[in-house]
Protein backbone atom coordinates (compact mmCIF):
# COMPACT_ATOMS: atom_id res chain seq x y z
CA MET A 1 0.00 0.00 0.00
CA SER A 2 1.50 3.35 -1.00
CA LEU A 3 0.47 6.91 -0.33
CA GLN A 4 1.20 7.68 -3.94
CA HIS A 5 -1.61 5.38 -5.05
CA CYS A 6 -4.28 5.37 -2.38
CA HIS A 7 -5.88 7.19 0.52
CA ILE A 8 -4.91 5.89 3.97
CA VAL A 9 -7.17 6.23 7.00
CA PRO A 10 -5.30 5.75 10.30
CA GLU A 11 -6.19 2.36 11.77
CA PRO A 12 -6.07 1.08 15.35
CA ALA A 13 -2.62 -0.05 16.42
CA PHE A 14 -1.88 -3.76 16.72
CA SER A 15 -2.53 -5.40 20.10
CA LEU A 16 0.20 -5.56 22.74
CA GLU A 17 0.76 -9.22 21.90
CA LYS A 18 1.12 -8.38 18.22
CA LYS A 19 3.50 -5.51 19.03
CA LYS A 20 5.57 -8.00 21.02
CA GLN A 21 5.82 -10.15 17.92
CA LEU A 22 6.66 -7.09 15.81
CA GLY A 23 9.39 -6.03 18.26
CA GLN A 24 8.51 -2.34 18.32
CA PHE A 25 10.81 -0.14 20.43
CA ARG A 26 10.68 3.60 19.81
CA THR A 27 13.80 5.61 18.98
CA SER A 28 14.22 8.51 21.43
CA ASP A 29 14.05 11.99 19.91
CA ASN A 30 17.57 12.86 21.08
CA LEU A 31 19.09 9.76 19.48
CA ALA A 32 17.03 10.24 16.31
CA ARG A 33 18.36 13.78 15.89
CA TRP A 34 21.92 12.60 16.35
CA MET A 35 21.55 9.65 13.94
CA THR A 36 20.11 11.95 11.30
CA ASP A 37 22.98 14.36 11.92
CA LEU A 38 25.28 11.52 10.83
CA VAL A 39 23.20 10.89 7.73
CA ALA A 40 22.96 14.59 6.87
CA ARG A 41 26.76 14.80 6.63
CA LEU A 42 26.68 12.04 3.99
CA VAL A 43 23.73 12.82 1.74
CA GLN A 44 23.77 14.71 -1.55
CA PRO A 45 20.72 16.46 -3.06
CA HIS A 46 18.19 14.14 -4.74
CA GLN A 47 19.68 10.96 -3.29
CA SER A 48 17.38 8.22 -2.00
CA VAL A 49 16.92 7.34 1.68
CA LEU A 50 15.02 4.35 3.11
CA ASP A 51 13.63 3.80 6.61
CA PRO A 52 12.33 0.20 6.47
CA CYS A 53 10.27 0.40 9.68
CA ILE A 54 9.28 4.00 10.30
CA GLY A 55 7.02 3.49 13.34
CA PRO A 56 5.95 7.00 14.42
CA ASN A 57 8.30 8.46 11.75
CA THR A 58 10.82 9.69 14.34
CA LEU A 59 13.89 9.34 12.10
CA PHE A 60 12.53 10.98 8.95
CA LYS A 61 11.00 13.84 10.95
CA ALA A 62 14.43 14.49 12.47
CA LEU A 63 16.09 14.26 9.04
CA SER A 64 13.65 16.81 7.60
CA ARG A 65 15.33 19.51 9.74
CA TYR A 66 17.91 19.68 6.96
CA PRO A 67 16.87 21.60 3.81
CA VAL A 68 18.13 18.95 1.37
CA ALA A 69 15.88 17.64 -1.42
CA LEU A 70 15.85 13.86 -0.93
CA LYS A 71 13.77 10.95 -2.16
CA LEU A 72 12.39 9.38 1.03
CA THR A 73 10.83 5.91 1.22
CA GLY A 74 9.28 4.71 4.47
CA ILE A 75 7.98 1.22 5.16
CA GLU A 76 5.77 0.23 8.11
CA ILE A 77 4.06 -3.09 8.81
CA ASP A 78 1.73 -1.77 11.54
CA PRO A 79 -0.94 0.52 10.05
CA GLY A 80 -1.88 1.70 13.53
CA MET A 81 1.49 3.48 13.77
CA ILE A 82 0.58 5.72 10.84
CA ASP A 83 -1.15 8.80 12.23
CA SER A 84 -2.41 11.87 10.40
CA GLU A 85 0.88 13.73 10.97
CA THR A 86 2.84 10.94 9.27
CA ILE A 87 0.39 10.88 6.36
CA ALA A 88 0.77 14.65 5.94
CA PHE A 89 4.57 14.28 6.06
CA PHE A 90 4.63 11.82 3.15
CA ARG A 91 2.32 13.93 1.01
CA HIS A 92 5.10 16.54 0.67
CA GLY A 93 8.01 16.38 -1.75
CA ASN A 94 9.42 13.22 -3.27
CA ARG A 95 8.26 10.88 -0.50
CA GLN A 96 6.69 7.41 -0.55
CA LEU A 97 5.05 5.51 2.30
CA LEU A 98 4.49 1.75 2.00
CA ILE A 99 2.33 -0.22 4.41
CA GLU A 100 3.85 -3.68 4.12
CA ASN A 101 6.35 -6.09 5.59
CA PHE A 102 9.92 -5.07 4.80
CA LEU A 103 10.83 -8.76 4.59
CA ASP A 104 8.59 -8.91 1.48
CA TYR A 105 10.09 -5.80 -0.12
CA PRO A 106 11.91 -6.70 -3.38
CA LEU A 107 15.70 -6.55 -3.31
CA SER A 108 15.65 -4.90 -6.72
CA GLU A 109 14.85 -1.63 -4.88
CA THR A 110 18.13 -0.01 -3.83
CA PHE A 111 19.00 3.19 -1.98
CA ASP A 112 21.89 5.60 -1.45
CA HIS A 113 21.26 5.69 2.30
CA ILE A 114 19.33 3.67 4.88
CA ILE A 115 18.54 4.78 8.41
CA VAL A 116 16.86 2.23 10.64
CA ASN A 117 15.83 1.05 14.09
CA PRO A 118 15.00 -2.59 13.24
CA PRO A 119 12.49 -4.76 15.16
CA TYR A 120 13.74 -6.63 18.22
CA VAL A 121 12.14 -10.07 18.30
CA ARG A 122 13.74 -12.89 20.28
CA GLN A 123 14.23 -16.24 18.56
CA GLU A 124 11.38 -17.86 20.48
CA LEU A 125 8.96 -15.14 19.29
CA ILE A 126 9.88 -15.40 15.61
CA VAL A 127 6.61 -16.85 14.37
CA GLN A 128 5.10 -17.95 11.10
CA GLY A 129 3.54 -15.18 9.05
CA ILE A 130 4.54 -11.65 10.02
CA ASN A 131 8.08 -12.39 11.22
CA ALA A 132 8.74 -15.89 9.96
CA LYS A 133 12.42 -16.81 10.05
CA GLU A 134 11.96 -18.77 6.84
CA LYS A 135 10.78 -15.59 5.16
CA ALA A 136 13.85 -13.70 6.38
CA ILE A 137 16.24 -16.46 5.29
CA GLY A 138 14.59 -16.62 1.91
CA MET A 139 15.17 -12.91 1.34
CA ILE A 140 18.81 -12.69 2.46
CA GLY A 141 19.84 -15.98 0.88
CA GLU A 142 21.14 -19.22 2.36
CA GLU A 143 24.82 -18.24 2.04
CA LEU A 144 24.47 -15.28 4.42
CA ALA A 145 21.88 -17.01 6.59
CA ALA A 146 24.32 -19.88 7.17
CA LEU A 147 26.59 -17.47 9.06
CA ILE A 148 23.88 -16.68 11.62
CA PRO A 149 23.32 -19.07 14.57
CA PRO A 150 19.73 -20.39 14.96
CA LYS A 151 19.00 -18.37 18.12
CA ALA A 152 19.73 -14.96 16.57
CA ASN A 153 17.30 -12.10 17.18
CA LEU A 154 15.18 -11.04 14.19
CA TYR A 155 16.98 -7.67 14.00
CA VAL A 156 20.02 -9.51 12.62
CA TYR A 157 18.08 -10.82 9.60
CA PHE A 158 16.33 -7.49 9.19
CA LEU A 159 19.62 -5.60 9.27
CA ILE A 160 21.28 -7.90 6.74
CA LYS A 161 18.36 -7.45 4.36
CA ALA A 162 18.74 -3.68 4.75
CA LEU A 163 22.41 -3.96 3.75
CA LEU A 164 21.38 -5.76 0.57
CA HIS A 165 19.17 -2.80 -0.39
CA LEU A 166 22.15 -0.41 -0.42
CA LYS A 167 23.60 0.84 -3.66
CA ASP A 168 27.32 0.47 -4.30
CA LYS A 169 29.17 2.66 -1.73
CA GLY A 170 25.82 3.39 -0.05
CA HIS A 171 25.65 4.19 3.66
CA LEU A 172 23.62 2.64 6.47
CA VAL A 173 23.16 4.17 9.93
CA ALA A 174 21.35 1.80 12.30
CA VAL A 175 20.67 1.56 16.01
CA ILE A 176 20.67 -2.05 17.18
CA TYR A 177 20.69 -3.93 20.47
CA ASP A 178 24.31 -4.40 21.60
CA SER A 179 24.11 -8.18 22.04
CA TRP A 180 25.95 -8.64 18.72
CA LEU A 181 29.13 -7.36 20.39
CA TYR A 182 29.14 -10.26 22.84
CA ASN A 183 26.98 -13.17 21.65
CA ALA A 184 27.81 -16.01 19.30
CA PHE A 185 25.74 -14.67 16.42
CA GLY A 186 27.79 -11.47 16.60
CA LYS A 187 30.75 -13.16 14.93
CA GLY A 188 28.56 -14.14 12.00
CA LEU A 189 27.19 -10.62 11.74
CA LYS A 190 30.71 -9.18 11.81
CA GLU A 191 31.71 -11.53 9.01
CA ILE A 192 28.72 -10.41 6.96
CA PHE A 193 29.59 -6.76 7.56
CA MET A 194 33.11 -7.36 6.28
CA LYS A 195 31.90 -9.45 3.33
CA LEU A 196 29.50 -6.72 2.17
CA GLY A 197 31.55 -3.64 3.04
CA ASN A 198 32.93 -1.96 6.14
CA VAL A 199 31.74 -0.74 9.53
CA GLY A 200 33.47 2.61 9.83
CA SER A 201 32.18 3.57 13.28
CA ILE A 202 30.47 1.95 16.26
CA TYR A 203 28.85 4.10 18.97
CA HIS A 204 28.11 1.96 22.01
CA PHE A 205 25.61 3.02 24.70
CA LYS A 206 25.50 0.88 27.83
CA ASN A 207 21.87 1.76 28.66
CA ALA A 208 18.94 4.23 28.37
CA VAL A 209 18.72 4.37 24.57
CA PHE A 210 15.16 3.26 23.80
CA ASP A 211 12.11 4.83 25.40
CA LYS A 212 11.02 2.85 28.48
CA VAL A 213 13.46 -0.01 27.70
CA ASP A 214 16.71 -0.21 29.69
CA VAL A 215 19.03 -2.12 27.35
CA GLY A 216 22.37 -1.42 25.77
CA ALA A 217 22.57 -0.48 22.10
CA THR A 218 24.96 0.43 19.33
CA VAL A 219 24.69 2.87 16.46
CA ILE A 220 26.70 1.62 13.51
CA HIS A 221 27.78 3.41 10.36
CA PHE A 222 28.28 0.92 7.51
CA GLN A 223 29.35 1.55 3.89
CA LYS A 224 28.76 -1.04 1.18
CA ASN A 225 31.58 -2.41 -0.99
CA VAL A 226 34.16 -0.19 0.69
CA GLN A 227 37.08 -1.54 2.71
CA ALA A 228 39.05 0.24 5.44
CA ASP A 229 41.87 -0.65 7.81
CA ASP A 230 40.33 0.70 11.02
CA ILE A 231 37.04 0.89 12.91
CA ALA A 232 36.38 3.76 15.34
CA TYR A 233 34.70 2.49 18.52
CA TYR A 234 33.08 5.02 20.90
CA ARG A 235 31.59 4.03 24.24
CA PHE A 236 29.07 5.96 26.38
CA GLU A 237 26.96 5.24 29.44
CA THR A 238 23.72 6.64 27.95
CA ALA A 239 22.47 8.34 24.81
CA GLU A 240 22.40 11.62 26.77
CA GLU A 241 26.19 11.74 26.42
CA ILE A 242 26.10 11.58 22.64
CA ASN A 243 26.32 15.35 22.22
CA GLN A 244 29.89 15.11 23.50
CA TRP A 245 30.97 12.44 21.02
CA GLN A 246 33.26 14.74 19.03
CA ALA A 247 35.26 15.43 22.20
CA THR A 248 35.60 11.68 22.84
CA GLU A 249 38.59 9.84 21.45
CA PRO A 250 37.57 6.50 19.96
CA VAL A 251 39.26 3.18 20.47
CA VAL A 252 40.75 2.26 17.10
CA ILE A 253 40.10 -1.38 16.22
CA LYS A 254 41.98 -2.90 13.32
CA THR A 255 39.55 -4.38 10.83
CA ALA A 256 41.61 -7.56 10.80
CA ASP A 257 40.98 -7.90 14.56
CA PHE A 258 37.25 -7.14 14.37
CA TYR A 259 36.06 -10.77 14.27
CA GLU A 260 37.81 -11.77 17.49
CA TYR A 261 37.76 -8.42 19.28
CA ASN A 262 36.53 -8.81 22.87
CA PHE A 263 34.29 -5.86 23.71
CA ASN A 264 34.17 -7.09 27.30
CA SER A 265 37.93 -6.81 27.60
CA ALA A 266 39.26 -4.78 30.49
CA PRO A 267 42.80 -4.35 31.73
CA GLN A 268 43.46 -5.96 35.03
CA LEU A 269 45.07 -2.92 36.60
CA ASP A 270 46.43 -3.77 40.00
CA PHE A 271 45.57 -0.68 42.01
CA ASP A 272 46.92 -2.38 45.13
CA ASN A 273 50.40 -2.39 43.60
CA ASP A 274 52.84 0.17 45.00
CA PHE A 275 52.88 1.79 41.55
CA PHE A 276 49.82 3.63 42.94
CA ILE A 277 49.27 5.60 46.13
CA PRO A 278 46.11 7.15 47.63
CA LEU A 279 45.38 10.71 46.52
CA LYS A 280 45.31 11.82 50.15
CA ASN A 281 49.02 10.89 50.43
CA ILE A 282 50.12 13.52 47.90
CA SER A 283 47.68 16.31 48.74
CA GLY A 284 46.91 18.45 51.70
CA THR A 285 43.50 18.26 53.31
CA ILE A 286 40.77 17.48 50.78
CA LYS A 287 37.51 19.36 51.42
CA ARG A 288 34.31 20.30 49.72
CA GLY A 289 34.20 23.84 48.42
CA THR A 290 32.35 26.86 49.78
CA ALA A 291 28.55 26.84 49.85
CA ALA A 292 26.55 29.98 49.11
CA VAL A 293 23.60 30.69 51.40
CA ILE A 294 21.29 30.52 48.36
CA ASN A 295 22.93 30.28 44.93
CA ASP A 296 20.35 32.40 43.13
CA TYR A 297 20.84 35.32 45.51
CA PHE A 298 24.48 35.08 46.59
CA LEU A 299 26.20 34.11 43.34
CA GLN A 300 26.40 36.74 40.59
CA PRO A 301 28.08 36.61 37.17
CA LYS A 302 29.88 39.92 37.84
CA LYS A 303 31.38 41.61 40.89
CA MET A 304 28.48 43.66 42.23
CA PHE A 305 29.82 44.50 45.71
CA LYS A 306 33.19 45.17 47.23
CA GLU A 307 32.52 42.13 49.48
CA SER A 308 32.14 39.81 46.47
CA LEU A 309 34.78 37.11 46.10
CA PRO A 310 35.77 35.36 42.85
CA ILE A 311 34.64 31.73 42.80
CA ILE A 312 34.52 28.73 40.46
CA LYS A 313 30.99 27.33 40.11
CA ASP A 314 30.20 26.18 36.57
CA THR A 315 32.63 23.65 35.08
CA THR A 316 31.18 24.08 31.58
CA ARG A 317 32.61 27.61 31.54
CA ILE A 318 36.12 26.30 32.18
CA ARG A 319 37.44 25.57 28.70
CA THR A 320 40.93 24.34 29.58
CA PHE A 321 42.52 22.16 32.25
CA SER A 322 43.72 25.32 34.00
CA VAL A 323 41.29 27.99 35.18
CA ASN A 324 42.45 31.61 34.88
CA ARG A 325 39.27 33.53 35.67
CA PRO A 326 36.32 33.02 38.02
CA THR A 327 32.98 31.81 36.69
CA ALA A 328 30.99 33.78 39.31
CA TYR A 329 31.27 36.08 42.33
CA LEU A 330 30.13 35.14 45.83
CA LEU A 331 28.64 37.76 48.14
CA ASN A 332 30.51 37.38 51.42
CA ALA A 333 28.82 39.96 53.64
CA GLY A 334 30.36 40.11 57.11
CA LYS A 335 29.39 42.22 60.12
CA LYS A 336 30.97 45.27 58.50
CA THR A 337 29.05 45.55 55.25
CA SER A 338 28.93 48.26 52.61
CA ALA A 339 25.76 50.30 52.15
CA ALA A 340 25.10 48.71 48.75
CA ALA A 341 25.40 45.20 50.14
CA LYS A 342 23.17 46.04 53.13
CA LYS A 343 20.47 47.39 50.80
CA TYR A 344 20.69 44.24 48.66
CA LEU A 345 20.49 41.94 51.72
CA LEU A 346 17.32 43.71 52.91
CA GLN A 347 15.76 43.26 49.46
CA ILE A 348 16.51 39.56 49.15
CA ARG A 349 15.55 38.96 52.80
CA GLU A 350 12.00 40.00 52.00
CA GLN A 351 11.98 37.99 48.78
CA ILE A 352 13.17 34.86 50.58
CA LEU A 353 10.56 35.18 53.30
CA ALA A 354 7.84 35.73 50.68
CA THR A 355 8.77 32.58 48.74
CA ASP A 356 6.39 29.74 49.50
CA GLY A 357 7.64 26.19 49.90
CA ALA A 358 11.39 26.89 49.73
CA TYR A 359 14.39 28.04 51.75
CA SER A 360 12.99 26.77 55.08
CA ALA A 361 16.41 26.51 56.76
CA VAL A 362 17.40 30.03 55.66
CA LYS A 363 14.03 31.44 56.77
CA GLU A 364 14.58 29.96 60.22
CA LYS A 365 17.99 31.63 60.41
CA ILE A 366 16.48 34.95 59.34
CA GLN A 367 13.93 34.73 62.18
CA THR A 368 16.45 33.72 64.85
CA ASN A 369 19.83 35.07 63.74
CA GLY A 370 20.66 38.56 62.61
CA HIS A 371 23.75 37.27 60.82
CA TRP A 372 21.74 34.89 58.60
CA HIS A 373 23.77 35.74 55.50
CA LYS A 374 27.10 34.52 56.85
CA VAL A 375 29.12 32.41 54.39
CA TYR A 376 31.61 29.88 55.73
CA ILE A 377 34.62 30.24 53.47
CA LYS A 378 36.58 27.05 52.77
CA LYS A 379 40.29 27.29 52.08
CA PRO A 380 40.93 27.08 48.30
CA GLY A 381 43.18 24.50 46.66
CA ASN A 382 45.36 24.56 43.57
CA PHE A 383 43.41 21.53 42.25
CA ILE A 384 39.65 21.24 42.03
CA PHE A 385 37.45 18.34 40.94
CA ASN A 386 33.69 18.28 40.31
CA TYR A 387 32.44 15.20 42.13
CA TYR A 388 29.36 14.85 39.92
CA LEU A 389 30.63 12.89 36.93
CA ARG A 390 29.50 12.56 33.36
CA ASN A 391 31.75 12.18 30.33
CA ASN A 392 34.39 14.71 31.37
CA ILE A 393 36.15 13.45 34.49
CA ASP A 394 38.67 16.27 34.70
CA PHE A 395 40.97 17.67 37.36
CA ILE A 396 41.35 21.44 36.97
CA LEU A 397 44.48 23.34 37.97
CA ASN A 398 43.54 26.40 40.04
CA GLU A 399 46.86 28.23 40.31
CA GLN A 400 45.23 31.56 41.25
CA LEU A 401 43.52 29.86 44.19
CA PHE A 402 40.00 31.00 43.42
CA LEU A 403 37.36 29.76 45.82
CA ALA A 404 35.54 26.67 44.60
CA SER A 405 31.83 26.13 45.15
CA ASP A 406 30.48 23.16 47.06
CA ASN A 407 30.08 20.97 43.97
CA PHE A 408 33.89 20.64 43.94
CA TYR A 409 36.50 18.93 46.05
CA ALA A 410 39.53 21.18 46.54
CA PHE A 411 43.06 20.24 47.61
CA ASN A 412 46.69 21.36 47.34
CA ILE A 413 49.66 19.63 45.77
CA THR A 414 52.87 21.55 46.39
CA THR A 415 55.46 19.57 44.39
CA GLN A 416 55.65 18.41 40.76
CA VAL A 417 52.40 20.27 40.04
CA ASP A 418 52.58 19.95 36.24
CA ALA A 419 53.42 16.26 36.40
CA TYR A 420 50.50 15.63 38.75
CA LEU A 421 48.15 17.57 36.46
CA ALA A 422 49.08 15.02 33.80
CA VAL A 423 48.72 12.05 36.14
CA LEU A 424 45.35 13.15 37.50
CA ASN A 425 43.94 13.50 33.98
CA SER A 426 45.25 10.15 32.79
CA SER A 427 43.09 7.09 32.04
CA PHE A 428 44.65 5.45 35.13
CA THR A 429 43.11 8.01 37.47
CA ARG A 430 39.88 8.03 35.50
CA LEU A 431 39.55 4.27 35.99
CA SER A 432 40.22 4.58 39.69
CA ILE A 433 37.62 7.37 40.01
CA LEU A 434 34.99 5.38 38.10
CA SER A 435 35.59 2.26 40.18
CA ARG A 436 34.87 4.22 43.36
CA SER A 437 31.93 6.28 42.12
CA ARG A 438 28.25 5.36 42.24
CA SER A 439 25.55 5.75 39.62
CA GLN A 440 22.95 8.47 40.21
CA GLY A 441 20.90 7.47 37.15
CA ASN A 442 20.70 8.87 33.61
CA GLY A 443 24.45 8.66 33.08
CA LEU A 444 25.31 10.74 36.16
CA ARG A 445 27.75 9.39 38.75
CA LYS A 446 29.04 10.73 42.06
CA ILE A 447 32.12 9.98 44.13
CA GLN A 448 31.87 10.49 47.89
CA LEU A 449 34.58 12.43 49.71
CA TYR A 450 35.88 9.44 51.66
CA GLU A 451 36.17 7.43 48.41
CA PHE A 452 37.78 10.33 46.61
CA LYS A 453 40.52 10.57 49.22
CA GLU A 454 41.37 6.91 48.60
CA THR A 455 41.50 7.24 44.81
CA ARG A 456 44.66 5.51 43.61
CA VAL A 457 47.01 7.65 41.52
CA VAL A 458 50.38 6.97 39.95
CA ASN A 459 53.32 7.21 42.37
CA LEU A 460 55.84 9.47 40.64
CA SER A 461 58.73 7.89 42.51
CA HIS A 462 58.60 4.98 40.04
CA LEU A 463 59.36 7.23 37.05
CA SER A 464 62.89 8.00 35.90
CA PRO A 465 64.06 11.65 35.88
CA GLY A 466 63.66 11.72 32.11
CA GLU A 467 60.15 10.29 32.28
CA LEU A 468 59.22 12.76 35.00
CA GLU A 469 60.44 15.66 32.86
CA ARG A 470 58.42 14.42 29.86
CA LEU A 471 55.35 14.10 32.08
CA SER A 472 55.81 17.65 33.37
CA GLN A 473 56.02 18.98 29.82
CA LEU A 474 52.81 17.17 28.92
CA GLY A 475 51.16 18.68 32.01
CA LYS A 476 52.23 22.16 30.85
CA GLN A 477 50.72 21.41 27.44
CA LEU A 478 47.52 20.19 29.09
CA LYS A 479 47.05 23.53 30.87
CA LYS A 480 46.30 25.23 27.56
CA THR A 481 44.29 22.38 26.04
CA ASP A 482 40.57 22.77 25.28
CA ARG A 483 38.70 20.18 27.35
CA TYR A 484 35.79 20.13 24.89
CA SER A 485 37.62 19.64 21.62
CA GLU A 486 39.49 16.84 19.92
CA ASP A 487 42.71 18.73 20.70
CA LYS A 488 42.75 17.21 24.16
CA HIS A 489 43.34 13.72 22.78
CA ALA A 490 46.93 14.41 21.70
CA PRO A 491 48.40 15.22 25.14
CA THR A 492 46.21 12.74 27.05
CA ARG A 493 47.20 9.95 24.67
CA LEU A 494 50.89 10.76 25.20
CA ILE A 495 50.33 10.85 28.96
CA ASP A 496 48.67 7.42 28.87
CA GLU A 497 51.41 5.98 26.66
CA LEU A 498 54.12 7.19 29.02
CA LEU A 499 52.41 5.99 32.21
CA LEU A 500 51.42 2.69 30.60
CA GLU A 501 55.02 1.99 29.65
CA CYS A 502 56.06 2.66 33.24
CA TYR A 503 53.23 0.54 34.65
CA ASN A 504 53.95 -2.44 32.41
CA ARG A 505 57.65 -2.27 33.26
CA HIS A 506 57.01 -2.00 37.01
CA THR A 507 54.36 -4.74 37.19
CA ASN A 508 55.69 -6.96 34.39
CA SER A 509 52.34 -6.56 32.57
CA ASP A 510 51.41 -6.27 28.92
CA ILE A 511 48.36 -3.98 28.85
CA SER A 512 47.75 -2.12 25.60
CA LEU A 513 46.62 1.48 25.16
CA ASN A 514 43.36 0.28 23.60
CA ASP A 515 42.70 -1.91 26.65
CA LEU A 516 43.24 1.07 28.92
CA LYS A 517 41.00 3.40 26.91
CA ILE A 518 38.08 1.02 26.45
CA SER A 519 37.88 0.45 30.19
CA SER A 520 38.10 4.14 31.04
CA TYR A 521 34.88 5.04 29.20
């Protein structure tokens, strides 16, 4: 059934049992936008693009943000998924909507690009009729089907059929369940990928990719009949981290190693070895930073009062690994306060008291303590670390000793400062931090102060004078490096290479740089 040839009236969606057989899992809007960003960098005007199971049309709607004239073909087996908005979408431009089973779609139809979230149907739910395995095998051919173990999920057959619909040098961007990285049928799928072309990139999300389904997934970028030496492998906790992918250095997997590559591999770093020492052994006292009475009232972007003190609050405004200007100013009004600050305190006092359902502790102080606005200043440190962790687990050098807000831990290191800046931002320290932190949900982690103090870091006494000098130079380079660009990969890679050589020598190990990087994601 095609919109070009008939009128479609939206029908009731299939039953829950039928949807289970169809394997419908919705692509999140954030991931759909990012996947179509990948496609948009590849397409040329008037090329053809296929989505073989459009569902609620999430992917094509995201792709339509780009003003490129494309021939779009969407296929959907469930007529109940086709609402009036989707019908209106396909009535514009060179677009075709087919209501049919993609497994029945003739292989003579080929496309420049395919973008897809295939159905996820376990082997025991692959039934006769809609998702018959025999139908899938018949379409992809016995030669390719022979490479797939009997218990493979339907998405494997569906994906292979999609590959066969690509034109020569055509591109496919697909989001698929990550089981193929680990399970037996994954080796067969890898072999098929290499037989038909090349997987240029793999973006691996450990969880929180599909709406209301907590499973891991991968986005792959495949090109047909093109060979390459390397595969770029990126790893993230959740799809929410995908916006930072360009600032993430991939693990480079040799294509020749792809079949046997162990995506569960992790270096067995021995953090109990004397190559490492607790962070508390090389720093002074480690404390949380200074808390404002109420952030909205006591932190300002500019210095408004003579009592205001420069402070570091927002890590996203710190571009490099060394901070040279404050991100905010903290009102620190003591007993002797300027007239301007007194006037401001009277204003906000009334606003705070008039605010319903908030600031109860501060309101109590206002009623019982005339010095309610007192701020307890914590001693600054020349290193600060935000203990709420996402993708950037960075130690920041604070040479000007600005105050740090209470979302940071602050401490002082008085010797070999540049070398320790390098060590603290190495994959070794990152691994130690991650192993001691706890998940807060949605890709956010936190490390408690007592755990942070015990974080194991490289003991510089095991480096030669020459190695220590090289490390210091890399630390100096890191000071000026943009934390949010690909530029940071050059010095951090050199830091990891140097420390890894020292670690392997000291512990008689043979851990590779790829091993270290894949575990530090």
